[in-house]
Amino acid sequence: MEKEEKVMIVLLMMVLLSLSVAYLTFYQEETQIPEFNTFSKPGERVYVEGRVVSERFTNTGNHLLIDLEHNSQIIKVFVPNDRGAKEISAMISKNSNIRVIGEVQEYKGELEIVLQDAKGIELL
């Protein structure tokens, strides 16, 4: 083999390796998010799908609180004011079916899902 052919083979292998790493890093991460359940732990990134039972803003801070019904269970979703609370409130309403992706946190002894940004909610 000529020197140029060897260089091309090495470059092609590097491109394939880079594409494989990018696929595993970006695509696989989104498909492996676990569903929220009673065993979810604070700090864990989870998703849940359900029907909006209520939505309201907090008295202080204008944060959005959403009660989501999932399998006859009410799940609390918290959207900080600086992470799209107003945008999300305009997008959803009572009885909307949504998918939420966020981080599990504990508030006053109960688990809730906290959104990191407005992209964490999707209408179904």
PDB file of N, CA and C in Angstrom:
ATOM      1  N   MET A   1       0.822  -1.180   0.000  1.00  0.00           N
ATOM      2  CA  MET A   1       0.000   0.000   0.000  1.00  0.00           C
ATOM      3  C   MET A   1       0.866   1.244   0.000  1.00  0.00           C
ATOM      4  N   GLU A   2       0.359   2.223  -0.689  1.00  0.00           N
ATOM      5  CA  GLU A   2       1.047   3.503  -0.745  1.00  0.00           C
ATOM      6  C   GLU A   2       0.785   4.282   0.539  1.00  0.00           C
ATOM      7  N   LYS A   3       1.624   5.241   0.795  1.00  0.00           N
ATOM      8  CA  LYS A   3       1.498   6.054   2.005  1.00  0.00           C
ATOM      9  C   LYS A   3       0.152   6.778   2.046  1.00  0.00           C
ATOM     10  N   GLU A   4      -0.301   7.317   0.908  1.00  0.00           N
ATOM     11  CA  GLU A   4      -1.570   8.042   0.856  1.00  0.00           C
ATOM     12  C   GLU A   4      -2.757   7.124   1.185  1.00  0.00           C
ATOM     13  N   GLU A   5      -2.694   5.874   0.727  1.00  0.00           N
ATOM     14  CA  GLU A   5      -3.761   4.910   1.000  1.00  0.00           C
ATOM     15  C   GLU A   5      -3.831   4.604   2.497  1.00  0.00           C
ATOM     16  N   LYS A   6      -2.701   4.458   3.129  1.00  0.00           N
ATOM     17  CA  LYS A   6      -2.663   4.203   4.563  1.00  0.00           C
ATOM     18  C   LYS A   6      -3.247   5.382   5.342  1.00  0.00           C
ATOM     19  N   VAL A   7      -2.903   6.586   4.935  1.00  0.00           N
ATOM     20  CA  VAL A   7      -3.420   7.785   5.594  1.00  0.00           C
ATOM     21  C   VAL A   7      -4.937   7.843   5.451  1.00  0.00           C
ATOM     22  N   MET A   8      -5.465   7.542   4.267  1.00  0.00           N
ATOM     23  CA  MET A   8      -6.916   7.555   4.032  1.00  0.00           C
ATOM     24  C   MET A   8      -7.622   6.520   4.908  1.00  0.00           C
ATOM     25  N   ILE A   9      -7.058   5.350   5.038  1.00  0.00           N
ATOM     26  CA  ILE A   9      -7.654   4.304   5.865  1.00  0.00           C
ATOM     27  C   ILE A   9      -7.692   4.748   7.327  1.00  0.00           C
ATOM     28  N   VAL A  10      -6.606   5.328   7.808  1.00  0.00           N
ATOM     29  CA  VAL A  10      -6.560   5.811   9.189  1.00  0.00           C
ATOM     30  C   VAL A  10      -7.599   6.911   9.400  1.00  0.00           C
ATOM     31  N   LEU A  11      -7.713   7.838   8.447  1.00  0.00           N
ATOM     32  CA  LEU A  11      -8.693   8.916   8.556  1.00  0.00           C
ATOM     33  C   LEU A  11     -10.123   8.368   8.550  1.00  0.00           C
ATOM     34  N   LEU A  12     -10.412   7.416   7.691  1.00  0.00           N
ATOM     35  CA  LEU A  12     -11.742   6.809   7.651  1.00  0.00           C
ATOM     36  C   LEU A  12     -12.073   6.106   8.969  1.00  0.00           C
ATOM     37  N   MET A  13     -11.108   5.421   9.527  1.00  0.00           N
ATOM     38  CA  MET A  13     -11.334   4.742  10.799  1.00  0.00           C
ATOM     39  C   MET A  13     -11.581   5.755  11.914  1.00  0.00           C
ATOM     40  N   MET A  14     -10.897   6.882  11.893  1.00  0.00           N
ATOM     41  CA  MET A  14     -11.104   7.918  12.903  1.00  0.00           C
ATOM     42  C   MET A  14     -12.503   8.525  12.774  1.00  0.00           C
ATOM     43  N   VAL A  15     -12.957   8.730  11.537  1.00  0.00           N
ATOM     44  CA  VAL A  15     -14.303   9.254  11.319  1.00  0.00           C
ATOM     45  C   VAL A  15     -15.345   8.268  11.849  1.00  0.00           C
ATOM     46  N   LEU A  16     -15.194   6.982  11.552  1.00  0.00           N
ATOM     47  CA  LEU A  16     -16.138   5.978  12.038  1.00  0.00           C
ATOM     48  C   LEU A  16     -16.154   5.911  13.565  1.00  0.00           C
ATOM     49  N   LEU A  17     -15.000   6.001  14.171  1.00  0.00           N
ATOM     50  CA  LEU A  17     -14.920   5.986  15.626  1.00  0.00           C
ATOM     51  C   LEU A  17     -15.613   7.224  16.218  1.00  0.00           C
ATOM     52  N   SER A  18     -15.385   8.388  15.626  1.00  0.00           N
ATOM     53  CA  SER A  18     -16.029   9.621  16.101  1.00  0.00           C
ATOM     54  C   SER A  18     -17.544   9.539  15.984  1.00  0.00           C
ATOM     55  N   LEU A  19     -18.042   9.018  14.864  1.00  0.00           N
ATOM     56  CA  LEU A  19     -19.480   8.868  14.687  1.00  0.00           C
ATOM     57  C   LEU A  19     -20.064   7.889  15.701  1.00  0.00           C
ATOM     58  N   SER A  20     -19.360   6.822  15.992  1.00  0.00           N
ATOM     59  CA  SER A  20     -19.828   5.846  16.984  1.00  0.00           C
ATOM     60  C   SER A  20     -19.916   6.464  18.372  1.00  0.00           C
ATOM     61  N   VAL A  21     -18.926   7.216  18.747  1.00  0.00           N
ATOM     62  CA  VAL A  21     -18.927   7.872  20.054  1.00  0.00           C
ATOM     63  C   VAL A  21     -20.058   8.886  20.132  1.00  0.00           C
ATOM     64  N   ALA A  22     -20.253   9.669  19.072  1.00  0.00           N
ATOM     65  CA  ALA A  22     -21.334  10.657  19.061  1.00  0.00           C
ATOM     66  C   ALA A  22     -22.687   9.972  19.176  1.00  0.00           C
ATOM     67  N   TYR A  23     -22.881   8.873  18.489  1.00  0.00           N
ATOM     68  CA  TYR A  23     -24.147   8.135  18.557  1.00  0.00           C
ATOM     69  C   TYR A  23     -24.406   7.636  19.971  1.00  0.00           C
ATOM     70  N   LEU A  24     -23.420   7.026  20.572  1.00  0.00           N
ATOM     71  CA  LEU A  24     -23.591   6.484  21.920  1.00  0.00           C
ATOM     72  C   LEU A  24     -23.807   7.586  22.952  1.00  0.00           C
ATOM     73  N   THR A  25     -23.175   8.721  22.758  1.00  0.00           N
ATOM     74  CA  THR A  25     -23.289   9.822  23.708  1.00  0.00           C
ATOM     75  C   THR A  25     -24.630  10.529  23.610  1.00  0.00           C
ATOM     76  N   PHE A  26     -25.065  10.866  22.413  1.00  0.00           N
ATOM     77  CA  PHE A  26     -26.250  11.693  22.254  1.00  0.00           C
ATOM     78  C   PHE A  26     -27.528  10.896  22.060  1.00  0.00           C
ATOM     79  N   TYR A  27     -27.535   9.919  21.194  1.00  0.00           N
ATOM     80  CA  TYR A  27     -28.768   9.190  20.903  1.00  0.00           C
ATOM     81  C   TYR A  27     -29.152   8.253  22.043  1.00  0.00           C
ATOM     82  N   GLN A  28     -28.224   7.490  22.539  1.00  0.00           N
ATOM     83  CA  GLN A  28     -28.511   6.514  23.577  1.00  0.00           C
ATOM     84  C   GLN A  28     -28.960   7.176  24.874  1.00  0.00           C
ATOM     85  N   GLU A  29     -28.425   8.357  25.196  1.00  0.00           N
ATOM     86  CA  GLU A  29     -28.767   9.027  26.449  1.00  0.00           C
ATOM     87  C   GLU A  29     -30.258   9.302  26.540  1.00  0.00           C
ATOM     88  N   GLU A  30     -30.880   9.780  25.474  1.00  0.00           N
ATOM     89  CA  GLU A  30     -32.300  10.112  25.494  1.00  0.00           C
ATOM     90  C   GLU A  30     -33.182   8.868  25.565  1.00  0.00           C
ATOM     91  N   THR A  31     -32.745   7.760  25.011  1.00  0.00           N
ATOM     92  CA  THR A  31     -33.586   6.568  25.000  1.00  0.00           C
ATOM     93  C   THR A  31     -33.490   5.770  26.300  1.00  0.00           C
ATOM     94  N   GLN A  32     -32.549   6.102  27.159  1.00  0.00           N
ATOM     95  CA  GLN A  32     -32.362   5.336  28.376  1.00  0.00           C
ATOM     96  C   GLN A  32     -32.844   6.058  29.627  1.00  0.00           C
ATOM     97  N   ILE A  33     -33.652   7.090  29.467  1.00  0.00           N
ATOM     98  CA  ILE A  33     -34.192   7.787  30.626  1.00  0.00           C
ATOM     99  C   ILE A  33     -35.274   6.908  31.232  1.00  0.00           C
ATOM    100  N   PRO A  34     -35.171   6.571  32.512  1.00  0.00           N
ATOM    101  CA  PRO A  34     -36.173   5.696  33.126  1.00  0.00           C
ATOM    102  C   PRO A  34     -37.477   6.443  33.415  1.00  0.00           C
ATOM    103  N   GLU A  35     -38.550   5.691  33.497  1.00  0.00           N
ATOM    104  CA  GLU A  35     -39.848   6.261  33.838  1.00  0.00           C
ATOM    105  C   GLU A  35     -39.904   6.506  35.349  1.00  0.00           C
ATOM    106  N   PHE A  36     -40.510   7.624  35.737  1.00  0.00           N
ATOM    107  CA  PHE A  36     -40.664   7.961  37.151  1.00  0.00           C
ATOM    108  C   PHE A  36     -41.517   6.905  37.829  1.00  0.00           C
ATOM    109  N   ASN A  37     -41.100   6.479  39.022  1.00  0.00           N
ATOM    110  CA  ASN A  37     -41.890   5.533  39.820  1.00  0.00           C
ATOM    111  C   ASN A  37     -41.559   5.736  41.296  1.00  0.00           C
ATOM    112  N   THR A  38     -42.151   4.943  42.147  1.00  0.00           N
ATOM    113  CA  THR A  38     -41.969   5.108  43.592  1.00  0.00           C
ATOM    114  C   THR A  38     -40.534   4.823  44.041  1.00  0.00           C
ATOM    115  N   PHE A  39     -39.748   4.176  43.187  1.00  0.00           N
ATOM    116  CA  PHE A  39     -38.364   3.869  43.529  1.00  0.00           C
ATOM    117  C   PHE A  39     -37.384   4.902  42.978  1.00  0.00           C
ATOM    118  N   SER A  40     -37.888   5.923  42.268  1.00  0.00           N
ATOM    119  CA  SER A  40     -37.017   6.972  41.740  1.00  0.00           C
ATOM    120  C   SER A  40     -36.353   7.711  42.896  1.00  0.00           C
ATOM    121  N   LYS A  41     -35.107   8.113  42.677  1.00  0.00           N
ATOM    122  CA  LYS A  41     -34.323   8.742  43.741  1.00  0.00           C
ATOM    123  C   LYS A  41     -34.012  10.195  43.377  1.00  0.00           C
ATOM    124  N   PRO A  42     -33.913  11.073  44.378  1.00  0.00           N
ATOM    125  CA  PRO A  42     -33.515  12.456  44.113  1.00  0.00           C
ATOM    126  C   PRO A  42     -32.213  12.519  43.321  1.00  0.00           C
ATOM    127  N   GLY A  43     -32.194  13.404  42.331  1.00  0.00           N
ATOM    128  CA  GLY A  43     -31.029  13.550  41.459  1.00  0.00           C
ATOM    129  C   GLY A  43     -31.128  12.742  40.184  1.00  0.00           C
ATOM    130  N   GLU A  44     -32.062  11.801  40.123  1.00  0.00           N
ATOM    131  CA  GLU A  44     -32.217  10.951  38.945  1.00  0.00           C
ATOM    132  C   GLU A  44     -33.014  11.684  37.861  1.00  0.00           C
ATOM    133  N   ARG A  45     -32.601  11.556  36.619  1.00  0.00           N
ATOM    134  CA  ARG A  45     -33.325  12.133  35.490  1.00  0.00           C
ATOM    135  C   ARG A  45     -34.361  11.114  35.027  1.00  0.00           C
ATOM    136  N   VAL A  46     -35.633  11.530  34.945  1.00  0.00           N
ATOM    137  CA  VAL A  46     -36.727  10.614  34.638  1.00  0.00           C
ATOM    138  C   VAL A  46     -37.706  11.258  33.659  1.00  0.00           C
ATOM    139  N   TYR A  47     -38.629  10.435  33.176  1.00  0.00           N
ATOM    140  CA  TYR A  47     -39.735  10.954  32.376  1.00  0.00           C
ATOM    141  C   TYR A  47     -41.035  10.378  32.926  1.00  0.00           C
ATOM    142  N   VAL A  48     -42.133  11.069  32.621  1.00  0.00           N
ATOM    143  CA  VAL A  48     -43.451  10.568  32.972  1.00  0.00           C
ATOM    144  C   VAL A  48     -44.445  11.168  31.984  1.00  0.00           C
ATOM    145  N   GLU A  49     -45.459  10.396  31.651  1.00  0.00           N
ATOM    146  CA  GLU A  49     -46.524  10.863  30.776  1.00  0.00           C
ATOM    147  C   GLU A  49     -47.831  10.825  31.548  1.00  0.00           C
ATOM    148  N   GLY A  50     -48.667  11.825  31.344  1.00  0.00           N
ATOM    149  CA  GLY A  50     -49.939  11.835  32.042  1.00  0.00           C
ATOM    150  C   GLY A  50     -50.813  13.002  31.635  1.00  0.00           C
ATOM    151  N   ARG A  51     -51.912  13.151  32.374  1.00  0.00           N
ATOM    152  CA  ARG A  51     -52.918  14.181  32.111  1.00  0.00           C
ATOM    153  C   ARG A  51     -52.789  15.275  33.170  1.00  0.00           C
ATOM    154  N   VAL A  52     -52.801  16.523  32.716  1.00  0.00           N
ATOM    155  CA  VAL A  52     -52.711  17.655  33.635  1.00  0.00           C
ATOM    156  C   VAL A  52     -54.019  17.761  34.419  1.00  0.00           C
ATOM    157  N   VAL A  53     -53.932  17.656  35.739  1.00  0.00           N
ATOM    158  CA  VAL A  53     -55.093  17.785  36.615  1.00  0.00           C
ATOM    159  C   VAL A  53     -55.257  19.247  37.027  1.00  0.00           C
ATOM    160  N   SER A  54     -54.131  19.911  37.303  1.00  0.00           N
ATOM    161  CA  SER A  54     -54.165  21.334  37.644  1.00  0.00           C
ATOM    162  C   SER A  54     -52.809  21.951  37.369  1.00  0.00           C
ATOM    163  N   GLU A  55     -52.836  23.262  37.197  1.00  0.00           N
ATOM    164  CA  GLU A  55     -51.609  24.042  37.052  1.00  0.00           C
ATOM    165  C   GLU A  55     -51.843  25.388  37.703  1.00  0.00           C
ATOM    166  N   ARG A  56     -50.834  25.880  38.405  1.00  0.00           N
ATOM    167  CA  ARG A  56     -50.963  27.156  39.092  1.00  0.00           C
ATOM    168  C   ARG A  56     -49.568  27.715  39.352  1.00  0.00           C
ATOM    169  N   PHE A  57     -49.532  29.025  39.533  1.00  0.00           N
ATOM    170  CA  PHE A  57     -48.276  29.680  39.879  1.00  0.00           C
ATOM    171  C   PHE A  57     -48.172  29.814  41.388  1.00  0.00           C
ATOM    172  N   THR A  58     -46.945  29.773  41.897  1.00  0.00           N
ATOM    173  CA  THR A  58     -46.736  29.950  43.333  1.00  0.00           C
ATOM    174  C   THR A  58     -47.006  31.406  43.702  1.00  0.00           C
ATOM    175  N   ASN A  59     -47.360  31.637  44.952  1.00  0.00           N
ATOM    176  CA  ASN A  59     -47.610  33.000  45.430  1.00  0.00           C
ATOM    177  C   ASN A  59     -46.347  33.839  45.451  1.00  0.00           C
ATOM    178  N   THR A  60     -45.238  33.184  45.686  1.00  0.00           N
ATOM    179  CA  THR A  60     -43.958  33.897  45.683  1.00  0.00           C
ATOM    180  C   THR A  60     -43.066  33.272  44.623  1.00  0.00           C
ATOM    181  N   GLY A  61     -42.496  34.074  43.780  1.00  0.00           N
ATOM    182  CA  GLY A  61     -41.537  33.579  42.794  1.00  0.00           C
ATOM    183  C   GLY A  61     -42.112  33.262  41.427  1.00  0.00           C
ATOM    184  N   ASN A  62     -43.431  33.189  41.309  1.00  0.00           N
ATOM    185  CA  ASN A  62     -44.062  32.856  40.023  1.00  0.00           C
ATOM    186  C   ASN A  62     -43.521  31.587  39.390  1.00  0.00           C
ATOM    187  N   HIS A  63     -43.285  30.569  40.208  1.00  0.00           N
ATOM    188  CA  HIS A  63     -42.904  29.257  39.704  1.00  0.00           C
ATOM    189  C   HIS A  63     -44.185  28.517  39.351  1.00  0.00           C
ATOM    190  N   LEU A  64     -44.121  27.608  38.384  1.00  0.00           N
ATOM    191  CA  LEU A  64     -45.304  26.862  37.946  1.00  0.00           C
ATOM    192  C   LEU A  64     -45.350  25.512  38.646  1.00  0.00           C
ATOM    193  N   LEU A  65     -46.508  25.181  39.202  1.00  0.00           N
ATOM    194  CA  LEU A  65     -46.749  23.881  39.818  1.00  0.00           C
ATOM    195  C   LEU A  65     -47.782  23.144  38.985  1.00  0.00           C
ATOM    196  N   ILE A  66     -47.471  21.929  38.600  1.00  0.00           N
ATOM    197  CA  ILE A  66     -48.378  21.117  37.784  1.00  0.00           C
ATOM    198  C   ILE A  66     -48.658  19.825  38.529  1.00  0.00           C
ATOM    199  N   ASP A  67     -49.935  19.464  38.635  1.00  0.00           N
ATOM    200  CA  ASP A  67     -50.325  18.159  39.149  1.00  0.00           C
ATOM    201  C   ASP A  67     -50.648  17.298  37.938  1.00  0.00           C
ATOM    202  N   LEU A  68     -49.958  16.184  37.837  1.00  0.00           N
ATOM    203  CA  LEU A  68     -50.066  15.304  36.679  1.00  0.00           C
ATOM    204  C   LEU A  68     -50.598  13.945  37.120  1.00  0.00           C
ATOM    205  N   GLU A  69     -51.667  13.474  36.482  1.00  0.00           N
ATOM    206  CA  GLU A  69     -52.215  12.164  36.808  1.00  0.00           C
ATOM    207  C   GLU A  69     -51.568  11.121  35.911  1.00  0.00           C
ATOM    208  N   HIS A  70     -50.987  10.117  36.568  1.00  0.00           N
ATOM    209  CA  HIS A  70     -50.319   9.023  35.861  1.00  0.00           C
ATOM    210  C   HIS A  70     -50.672   7.729  36.589  1.00  0.00           C
ATOM    211  N   ASN A  71     -51.361   6.835  35.917  1.00  0.00           N
ATOM    212  CA  ASN A  71     -51.774   5.562  36.521  1.00  0.00           C
ATOM    213  C   ASN A  71     -52.505   5.776  37.851  1.00  0.00           C
ATOM    214  N   SER A  72     -53.468   6.656  37.858  1.00  0.00           N
ATOM    215  CA  SER A  72     -54.290   6.979  39.036  1.00  0.00           C
ATOM    216  C   SER A  72     -53.478   7.550  40.196  1.00  0.00           C
ATOM    217  N   GLN A  73     -52.313   8.037  39.925  1.00  0.00           N
ATOM    218  CA  GLN A  73     -51.442   8.629  40.931  1.00  0.00           C
ATOM    219  C   GLN A  73     -51.174  10.078  40.522  1.00  0.00           C
ATOM    220  N   ILE A  74     -51.130  10.998  41.481  1.00  0.00           N
ATOM    221  CA  ILE A  74     -50.821  12.399  41.198  1.00  0.00           C
ATOM    222  C   ILE A  74     -49.321  12.623  41.403  1.00  0.00           C
ATOM    223  N   ILE A  75     -48.682  13.146  40.370  1.00  0.00           N
ATOM    224  CA  ILE A  75     -47.250  13.438  40.412  1.00  0.00           C
ATOM    225  C   ILE A  75     -47.081  14.946  40.319  1.00  0.00           C
ATOM    226  N   LYS A  76     -46.289  15.501  41.215  1.00  0.00           N
ATOM    227  CA  LYS A  76     -46.030  16.937  41.246  1.00  0.00           C
ATOM    228  C   LYS A  76     -44.884  17.268  40.292  1.00  0.00           C
ATOM    229  N   VAL A  77     -45.104  18.314  39.485  1.00  0.00           N
ATOM    230  CA  VAL A  77     -44.076  18.812  38.577  1.00  0.00           C
ATOM    231  C   VAL A  77     -43.841  20.280  38.917  1.00  0.00           C
ATOM    232  N   PHE A  78     -42.583  20.643  39.095  1.00  0.00           N
ATOM    233  CA  PHE A  78     -42.208  22.004  39.456  1.00  0.00           C
ATOM    234  C   PHE A  78     -41.395  22.611  38.318  1.00  0.00           C
ATOM    235  N   VAL A  79     -41.833  23.803  37.859  1.00  0.00           N
ATOM    236  CA  VAL A  79     -41.116  24.509  36.802  1.00  0.00           C
ATOM    237  C   VAL A  79     -40.661  25.858  37.359  1.00  0.00           C
ATOM    238  N   PRO A  80     -39.351  26.034  37.578  1.00  0.00           N
ATOM    239  CA  PRO A  80     -38.864  27.318  38.088  1.00  0.00           C
ATOM    240  C   PRO A  80     -39.194  28.461  37.123  1.00  0.00           C
ATOM    241  N   ASN A  81     -39.409  29.633  37.687  1.00  0.00           N
ATOM    242  CA  ASN A  81     -39.757  30.810  36.908  1.00  0.00           C
ATOM    243  C   ASN A  81     -38.739  31.083  35.799  1.00  0.00           C
ATOM    244  N   ASP A  82     -37.464  30.917  36.102  1.00  0.00           N
ATOM    245  CA  ASP A  82     -36.415  31.226  35.127  1.00  0.00           C
ATOM    246  C   ASP A  82     -36.123  30.081  34.163  1.00  0.00           C
ATOM    247  N   ARG A  83     -36.956  29.057  34.182  1.00  0.00           N
ATOM    248  CA  ARG A  83     -36.748  27.909  33.278  1.00  0.00           C
ATOM    249  C   ARG A  83     -37.969  27.640  32.403  1.00  0.00           C
ATOM    250  N   GLY A  84     -38.755  28.693  32.120  1.00  0.00           N
ATOM    251  CA  GLY A  84     -39.834  28.557  31.166  1.00  0.00           C
ATOM    252  C   GLY A  84     -41.220  28.372  31.752  1.00  0.00           C
ATOM    253  N   ALA A  85     -41.438  28.775  32.998  1.00  0.00           N
ATOM    254  CA  ALA A  85     -42.730  28.571  33.643  1.00  0.00           C
ATOM    255  C   ALA A  85     -43.870  29.234  32.868  1.00  0.00           C
ATOM    256  N   LYS A  86     -43.687  30.481  32.464  1.00  0.00           N
ATOM    257  CA  LYS A  86     -44.753  31.194  31.742  1.00  0.00           C
ATOM    258  C   LYS A  86     -44.988  30.581  30.369  1.00  0.00           C
ATOM    259  N   GLU A  87     -43.936  30.228  29.691  1.00  0.00           N
ATOM    260  CA  GLU A  87     -44.040  29.611  28.365  1.00  0.00           C
ATOM    261  C   GLU A  87     -44.798  28.284  28.441  1.00  0.00           C
ATOM    262  N   ILE A  88     -44.486  27.482  29.435  1.00  0.00           N
ATOM    263  CA  ILE A  88     -45.135  26.182  29.595  1.00  0.00           C
ATOM    264  C   ILE A  88     -46.595  26.355  29.990  1.00  0.00           C
ATOM    265  N   SER A  89     -46.880  27.322  30.867  1.00  0.00           N
ATOM    266  CA  SER A  89     -48.262  27.564  31.277  1.00  0.00           C
ATOM    267  C   SER A  89     -49.131  27.956  30.085  1.00  0.00           C
ATOM    268  N   ALA A  90     -48.563  28.721  29.161  1.00  0.00           N
ATOM    269  CA  ALA A  90     -49.311  29.113  27.960  1.00  0.00           C
ATOM    270  C   ALA A  90     -49.524  27.933  27.011  1.00  0.00           C
ATOM    271  N   MET A  91     -48.668  26.945  27.094  1.00  0.00           N
ATOM    272  CA  MET A  91     -48.716  25.801  26.187  1.00  0.00           C
ATOM    273  C   MET A  91     -49.696  24.714  26.653  1.00  0.00           C
ATOM    274  N   ILE A  92     -49.860  24.550  27.977  1.00  0.00           N
ATOM    275  CA  ILE A  92     -50.687  23.458  28.494  1.00  0.00           C
ATOM    276  C   ILE A  92     -51.953  23.999  29.139  1.00  0.00           C
ATOM    277  N   SER A  93     -52.889  23.116  29.391  1.00  0.00           N
ATOM    278  CA  SER A  93     -54.109  23.465  30.130  1.00  0.00           C
ATOM    279  C   SER A  93     -54.606  22.205  30.828  1.00  0.00           C
ATOM    280  N   LYS A  94     -55.631  22.383  31.648  1.00  0.00           N
ATOM    281  CA  LYS A  94     -56.217  21.248  32.349  1.00  0.00           C
ATOM    282  C   LYS A  94     -56.656  20.217  31.314  1.00  0.00           C
ATOM    283  N   ASN A  95     -56.395  18.949  31.594  1.00  0.00           N
ATOM    284  CA  ASN A  95     -56.702  17.791  30.745  1.00  0.00           C
ATOM    285  C   ASN A  95     -55.757  17.619  29.564  1.00  0.00           C
ATOM    286  N   SER A  96     -54.714  18.452  29.441  1.00  0.00           N
ATOM    287  CA  SER A  96     -53.702  18.230  28.407  1.00  0.00           C
ATOM    288  C   SER A  96     -52.940  16.956  28.737  1.00  0.00           C
ATOM    289  N   ASN A  97     -52.613  16.189  27.734  1.00  0.00           N
ATOM    290  CA  ASN A  97     -51.745  15.026  27.916  1.00  0.00           C
ATOM    291  C   ASN A  97     -50.334  15.453  27.560  1.00  0.00           C
ATOM    292  N   ILE A  98     -49.415  15.256  28.503  1.00  0.00           N
ATOM    293  CA  ILE A  98     -48.049  15.722  28.317  1.00  0.00           C
ATOM    294  C   ILE A  98     -47.042  14.655  28.707  1.00  0.00           C
ATOM    295  N   ARG A  99     -45.836  14.861  28.219  1.00  0.00           N
ATOM    296  CA  ARG A  99     -44.674  14.059  28.616  1.00  0.00           C
ATOM    297  C   ARG A  99     -43.701  15.028  29.266  1.00  0.00           C
ATOM    298  N   VAL A 100     -43.212  14.674  30.434  1.00  0.00           N
ATOM    299  CA  VAL A 100     -42.314  15.526  31.211  1.00  0.00           C
ATOM    300  C   VAL A 100     -40.987  14.797  31.381  1.00  0.00           C
ATOM    301  N   ILE A 101     -39.899  15.507  31.158  1.00  0.00           N
ATOM    302  CA  ILE A 101     -38.560  14.988  31.441  1.00  0.00           C
ATOM    303  C   ILE A 101     -37.902  15.973  32.392  1.00  0.00           C
ATOM    304  N   GLY A 102     -37.466  15.472  33.533  1.00  0.00           N
ATOM    305  CA  GLY A 102     -36.834  16.345  34.516  1.00  0.00           C
ATOM    306  C   GLY A 102     -36.079  15.563  35.565  1.00  0.00           C
ATOM    307  N   GLU A 103     -35.684  16.263  36.598  1.00  0.00           N
ATOM    308  CA  GLU A 103     -34.899  15.663  37.671  1.00  0.00           C
ATOM    309  C   GLU A 103     -35.771  15.455  38.902  1.00  0.00           C
ATOM    310  N   VAL A 104     -35.652  14.302  39.505  1.00  0.00           N
ATOM    311  CA  VAL A 104     -36.388  14.006  40.730  1.00  0.00           C
ATOM    312  C   VAL A 104     -35.751  14.779  41.876  1.00  0.00           C
ATOM    313  N   GLN A 105     -36.620  15.469  42.637  1.00  0.00           N
ATOM    314  CA  GLN A 105     -36.166  16.153  43.840  1.00  0.00           C
ATOM    315  C   GLN A 105     -37.184  15.901  44.939  1.00  0.00           C
ATOM    316  N   GLU A 106     -36.751  16.080  46.156  1.00  0.00           N
ATOM    317  CA  GLU A 106     -37.648  15.895  47.293  1.00  0.00           C
ATOM    318  C   GLU A 106     -38.001  17.264  47.861  1.00  0.00           C
ATOM    319  N   TYR A 107     -39.297  17.489  48.081  1.00  0.00           N
ATOM    320  CA  TYR A 107     -39.769  18.740  48.662  1.00  0.00           C
ATOM    321  C   TYR A 107     -40.783  18.413  49.752  1.00  0.00           C
ATOM    322  N   LYS A 108     -40.478  18.818  50.964  1.00  0.00           N
ATOM    323  CA  LYS A 108     -41.338  18.554  52.124  1.00  0.00           C
ATOM    324  C   LYS A 108     -41.696  17.069  52.238  1.00  0.00           C
ATOM    325  N   GLY A 109     -40.696  16.221  52.023  1.00  0.00           N
ATOM    326  CA  GLY A 109     -40.872  14.786  52.199  1.00  0.00           C
ATOM    327  C   GLY A 109     -41.506  14.056  51.030  1.00  0.00           C
ATOM    328  N   GLU A 110     -41.856  14.761  49.959  1.00  0.00           N
ATOM    329  CA  GLU A 110     -42.471  14.112  48.800  1.00  0.00           C
ATOM    330  C   GLU A 110     -41.612  14.307  47.560  1.00  0.00           C
ATOM    331  N   LEU A 111     -41.626  13.305  46.687  1.00  0.00           N
ATOM    332  CA  LEU A 111     -40.875  13.401  45.443  1.00  0.00           C
ATOM    333  C   LEU A 111     -41.638  14.232  44.437  1.00  0.00           C
ATOM    334  N   GLU A 112     -40.903  14.995  43.650  1.00  0.00           N
ATOM    335  CA  GLU A 112     -41.477  15.761  42.551  1.00  0.00           C
ATOM    336  C   GLU A 112     -40.475  15.778  41.413  1.00  0.00           C
ATOM    337  N   ILE A 113     -40.961  16.150  40.234  1.00  0.00           N
ATOM    338  CA  ILE A 113     -40.078  16.262  39.076  1.00  0.00           C
ATOM    339  C   ILE A 113     -39.865  17.745  38.812  1.00  0.00           C
ATOM    340  N   VAL A 114     -38.603  18.157  38.714  1.00  0.00           N
ATOM    341  CA  VAL A 114     -38.248  19.554  38.467  1.00  0.00           C
ATOM    342  C   VAL A 114     -37.712  19.657  37.047  1.00  0.00           C
ATOM    343  N   LEU A 115     -38.333  20.534  36.260  1.00  0.00           N
ATOM    344  CA  LEU A 115     -37.894  20.736  34.885  1.00  0.00           C
ATOM    345  C   LEU A 115     -36.640  21.593  34.843  1.00  0.00           C
ATOM    346  N   GLN A 116     -35.763  21.272  33.919  1.00  0.00           N
ATOM    347  CA  GLN A 116     -34.540  22.036  33.748  1.00  0.00           C
ATOM    348  C   GLN A 116     -34.731  23.170  32.746  1.00  0.00           C
ATOM    349  N   ASP A 117     -35.674  22.992  31.799  1.00  0.00           N
ATOM    350  CA  ASP A 117     -36.007  24.040  30.828  1.00  0.00           C
ATOM    351  C   ASP A 117     -37.333  23.691  30.144  1.00  0.00           C
ATOM    352  N   ALA A 118     -37.815  24.604  29.306  1.00  0.00           N
ATOM    353  CA  ALA A 118     -39.123  24.436  28.648  1.00  0.00           C
ATOM    354  C   ALA A 118     -39.143  23.232  27.704  1.00  0.00           C
ATOM    355  N   LYS A 119     -38.000  22.779  27.270  1.00  0.00           N
ATOM    356  CA  LYS A 119     -37.933  21.608  26.383  1.00  0.00           C
ATOM    357  C   LYS A 119     -38.285  20.324  27.127  1.00  0.00           C
ATOM    358  N   GLY A 120     -38.408  20.412  28.443  1.00  0.00           N
ATOM    359  CA  GLY A 120     -38.729  19.233  29.253  1.00  0.00           C
ATOM    360  C   GLY A 120     -40.179  18.833  29.216  1.00  0.00           C
ATOM    361  N   ILE A 121     -41.031  19.604  28.542  1.00  0.00           N
ATOM    362  CA  ILE A 121     -42.450  19.252  28.419  1.00  0.00           C
ATOM    363  C   ILE A 121     -42.815  19.169  26.947  1.00  0.00           C
ATOM    364  N   GLU A 122     -43.555  18.119  26.634  1.00  0.00           N
ATOM    365  CA  GLU A 122     -44.015  17.901  25.258  1.00  0.00           C
ATOM    366  C   GLU A 122     -45.497  17.543  25.300  1.00  0.00           C
ATOM    367  N   LEU A 123     -46.285  18.195  24.446  1.00  0.00           N
ATOM    368  CA  LEU A 123     -47.701  17.839  24.319  1.00  0.00           C
ATOM    369  C   LEU A 123     -47.821  16.527  23.584  1.00  0.00           C
ATOM    370  N   LEU A 124     -48.715  15.671  24.046  1.00  0.00           N
ATOM    371  CA  LEU A 124     -48.930  14.373  23.373  1.00  0.00           C
ATOM    372  C   LEU A 124     -50.232  14.393  22.606  1.00  0.00           C
TER     373      LEU A 124
END
